[in-house]
Amino acid sequence: MTKIGKIDVKGAFIQTEMEGPPIYIKIAPETTKLIVELLPAIKTYVTADGILYCQLLKALYGCVQASRLWYNKLTRFLRTLGYEASLTDPCVMRKIVDGKISLLAIYVDDIL
């Protein structure tokens, strides 16, 4: 019997830790003011021109590395479950149990 389903992983990229050299984002002065109002201790990290720089600890949509980091995290997990990547398409994972084949197709943050 064939069963087909789809999983949309909510917040997939933000669940993924950054790797490699640190990446910093620049927070606009208007946003920095709001952050300082909520967290006054942050003021010590604000530059003289009112800008706050923050190091990314988690991947964000739009980061060049985000898709690769998410793919690596997901496939490491799937390998612990016994899945292996297809030789012809690394975004297709397969697992054979009792003669039955389970296929997963990975597209960004969707699993089919």
C-alpha atoms as a PDB file:
ATOM      1  CA  MET A   1       0.000   0.000   0.000  1.00  0.00           C
ATOM      2  CA  THR A   2       1.340   3.442  -0.934  1.00  0.00           C
ATOM      3  CA  LYS A   3       0.995   6.278   1.543  1.00  0.00           C
ATOM      4  CA  ILE A   4       1.992   9.813   0.649  1.00  0.00           C
ATOM      5  CA  GLY A   5       2.297  12.631   3.148  1.00  0.00           C
ATOM      6  CA  LYS A   6       3.897  16.025   3.532  1.00  0.00           C
ATOM      7  CA  ILE A   7       5.624  17.670   6.463  1.00  0.00           C
ATOM      8  CA  ASP A   8       6.294  21.404   6.584  1.00  0.00           C
ATOM      9  CA  VAL A   9       8.921  21.976   9.266  1.00  0.00           C
ATOM     10  CA  LYS A  10       7.957  25.239  10.972  1.00  0.00           C
ATOM     11  CA  GLY A  11      10.918  27.448  11.831  1.00  0.00           C
ATOM     12  CA  ALA A  12      13.322  24.933  10.302  1.00  0.00           C
ATOM     13  CA  PHE A  13      16.180  27.351   9.767  1.00  0.00           C
ATOM     14  CA  ILE A  14      15.952  29.003  13.167  1.00  0.00           C
ATOM     15  CA  GLN A  15      16.249  25.564  14.792  1.00  0.00           C
ATOM     16  CA  THR A  16      19.659  25.195  13.175  1.00  0.00           C
ATOM     17  CA  GLU A  17      22.851  26.361  14.870  1.00  0.00           C
ATOM     18  CA  MET A  18      25.307  28.472  12.898  1.00  0.00           C
ATOM     19  CA  GLU A  19      28.696  26.960  12.067  1.00  0.00           C
ATOM     20  CA  GLY A  20      31.971  28.447  10.902  1.00  0.00           C
ATOM     21  CA  PRO A  21      33.175  32.008  11.396  1.00  0.00           C
ATOM     22  CA  PRO A  22      30.823  34.280  13.366  1.00  0.00           C
ATOM     23  CA  ILE A  23      28.261  36.302  11.435  1.00  0.00           C
ATOM     24  CA  TYR A  24      26.952  39.587  12.822  1.00  0.00           C
ATOM     25  CA  ILE A  25      23.828  41.505  11.920  1.00  0.00           C
ATOM     26  CA  LYS A  26      23.366  45.246  12.287  1.00  0.00           C
ATOM     27  CA  ILE A  27      20.226  46.350  14.141  1.00  0.00           C
ATOM     28  CA  ALA A  28      18.769  49.665  12.993  1.00  0.00           C
ATOM     29  CA  PRO A  29      18.821  52.542  15.524  1.00  0.00           C
ATOM     30  CA  GLU A  30      14.999  52.637  15.735  1.00  0.00           C
ATOM     31  CA  THR A  31      14.866  48.937  16.606  1.00  0.00           C
ATOM     32  CA  THR A  32      17.814  49.301  18.973  1.00  0.00           C
ATOM     33  CA  LYS A  33      15.855  51.924  20.948  1.00  0.00           C
ATOM     34  CA  LEU A  34      12.976  49.493  21.401  1.00  0.00           C
ATOM     35  CA  ILE A  35      15.318  46.703  22.491  1.00  0.00           C
ATOM     36  CA  VAL A  36      17.029  48.981  25.044  1.00  0.00           C
ATOM     37  CA  GLU A  37      13.615  49.957  26.457  1.00  0.00           C
ATOM     38  CA  LEU A  38      12.802  46.287  26.992  1.00  0.00           C
ATOM     39  CA  LEU A  39      16.298  45.231  28.084  1.00  0.00           C
ATOM     40  CA  PRO A  40      18.171  48.235  29.549  1.00  0.00           C
ATOM     41  CA  ALA A  41      21.357  46.179  30.133  1.00  0.00           C
ATOM     42  CA  ILE A  42      21.801  45.978  26.338  1.00  0.00           C
ATOM     43  CA  LYS A  43      22.626  49.701  26.268  1.00  0.00           C
ATOM     44  CA  THR A  44      26.272  48.935  27.090  1.00  0.00           C
ATOM     45  CA  TYR A  45      26.571  47.160  23.702  1.00  0.00           C
ATOM     46  CA  VAL A  46      25.086  49.989  21.600  1.00  0.00           C
ATOM     47  CA  THR A  47      27.538  52.066  19.544  1.00  0.00           C
ATOM     48  CA  ALA A  48      27.737  55.861  19.834  1.00  0.00           C
ATOM     49  CA  ASP A  49      25.575  56.223  16.713  1.00  0.00           C
ATOM     50  CA  GLY A  50      22.816  54.040  18.214  1.00  0.00           C
ATOM     51  CA  ILE A  51      23.524  50.813  16.359  1.00  0.00           C
ATOM     52  CA  LEU A  52      23.559  47.378  17.919  1.00  0.00           C
ATOM     53  CA  TYR A  53      25.481  44.466  16.385  1.00  0.00           C
ATOM     54  CA  CYS A  54      24.345  40.943  17.227  1.00  0.00           C
ATOM     55  CA  GLN A  55      26.041  37.638  16.514  1.00  0.00           C
ATOM     56  CA  LEU A  56      23.803  35.051  14.866  1.00  0.00           C
ATOM     57  CA  LEU A  57      23.695  31.844  16.879  1.00  0.00           C
ATOM     58  CA  LYS A  58      20.896  30.300  14.811  1.00  0.00           C
ATOM     59  CA  ALA A  59      20.396  30.318  11.053  1.00  0.00           C
ATOM     60  CA  LEU A  60      17.870  32.776   9.625  1.00  0.00           C
ATOM     61  CA  TYR A  61      15.947  32.711   6.360  1.00  0.00           C
ATOM     62  CA  GLY A  62      17.972  34.702   3.875  1.00  0.00           C
ATOM     63  CA  CYS A  63      21.403  33.708   5.216  1.00  0.00           C
ATOM     64  CA  VAL A  64      23.524  32.088   2.551  1.00  0.00           C
ATOM     65  CA  GLN A  65      24.379  29.202   4.892  1.00  0.00           C
ATOM     66  CA  ALA A  66      20.855  28.588   6.229  1.00  0.00           C
ATOM     67  CA  SER A  67      19.684  26.004   3.684  1.00  0.00           C
ATOM     68  CA  ARG A  68      22.919  24.019   3.840  1.00  0.00           C
ATOM     69  CA  LEU A  69      22.972  24.033   7.655  1.00  0.00           C
ATOM     70  CA  TRP A  70      19.335  22.886   7.832  1.00  0.00           C
ATOM     71  CA  TYR A  71      19.928  20.147   5.250  1.00  0.00           C
ATOM     72  CA  ASN A  72      22.976  18.890   7.184  1.00  0.00           C
ATOM     73  CA  LYS A  73      21.087  18.843  10.489  1.00  0.00           C
ATOM     74  CA  LEU A  74      18.061  17.075   8.994  1.00  0.00           C
ATOM     75  CA  THR A  75      20.056  14.430   7.113  1.00  0.00           C
ATOM     76  CA  ARG A  76      22.210  13.684  10.187  1.00  0.00           C
ATOM     77  CA  PHE A  77      18.991  13.013  12.102  1.00  0.00           C
ATOM     78  CA  LEU A  78      17.476  10.907   9.303  1.00  0.00           C
ATOM     79  CA  ARG A  79      20.656   8.815   9.131  1.00  0.00           C
ATOM     80  CA  THR A  80      20.222   7.951  12.825  1.00  0.00           C
ATOM     81  CA  LEU A  81      16.806   6.556  11.824  1.00  0.00           C
ATOM     82  CA  GLY A  82      18.399   4.368   9.140  1.00  0.00           C
ATOM     83  CA  TYR A  83      17.797   6.530   6.057  1.00  0.00           C
ATOM     84  CA  GLU A  84      20.497   6.940   3.433  1.00  0.00           C
ATOM     85  CA  ALA A  85      20.832   9.516   0.668  1.00  0.00           C
ATOM     86  CA  SER A  86      20.176   8.518  -2.933  1.00  0.00           C
ATOM     87  CA  LEU A  87      23.316   8.293  -5.058  1.00  0.00           C
ATOM     88  CA  THR A  88      21.655  10.280  -7.842  1.00  0.00           C
ATOM     89  CA  ASP A  89      19.917  12.959  -5.725  1.00  0.00           C
ATOM     90  CA  PRO A  90      21.100  13.785  -2.189  1.00  0.00           C
ATOM     91  CA  CYS A  91      17.723  15.381  -1.415  1.00  0.00           C
ATOM     92  CA  VAL A  92      16.021  11.984  -1.665  1.00  0.00           C
ATOM     93  CA  MET A  93      16.488   9.726   1.339  1.00  0.00           C
ATOM     94  CA  ARG A  94      15.481   6.065   1.436  1.00  0.00           C
ATOM     95  CA  LYS A  95      15.095   3.346   4.017  1.00  0.00           C
ATOM     96  CA  ILE A  96      14.226  -0.306   3.455  1.00  0.00           C
ATOM     97  CA  VAL A  97      12.511  -2.240   6.254  1.00  0.00           C
ATOM     98  CA  ASP A  98      11.085  -5.749   5.779  1.00  0.00           C
ATOM     99  CA  GLY A  99      11.252  -5.328   1.998  1.00  0.00           C
ATOM    100  CA  LYS A 100       9.259  -2.071   2.085  1.00  0.00           C
ATOM    101  CA  ILE A 101      10.844   1.119   0.813  1.00  0.00           C
ATOM    102  CA  SER A 102      10.310   4.452   2.530  1.00  0.00           C
ATOM    103  CA  LEU A 103      11.293   7.480   0.440  1.00  0.00           C
ATOM    104  CA  LEU A 104      11.628  11.056   1.668  1.00  0.00           C
ATOM    105  CA  ALA A 105      12.110  13.971  -0.702  1.00  0.00           C
ATOM    106  CA  ILE A 106      13.547  17.085   0.945  1.00  0.00           C
ATOM    107  CA  TYR A 107      12.799  20.513  -0.511  1.00  0.00           C
ATOM    108  CA  VAL A 108      13.913  23.488   1.609  1.00  0.00           C
ATOM    109  CA  ASP A 109      11.836  22.989   4.789  1.00  0.00           C
ATOM    110  CA  ASP A 110       9.338  20.503   3.343  1.00  0.00           C
ATOM    111  CA  ILE A 111       9.569  16.731   3.483  1.00  0.00           C
ATOM    112  CA  LEU A 112       7.450  14.680   1.078  1.00  0.00           C
END
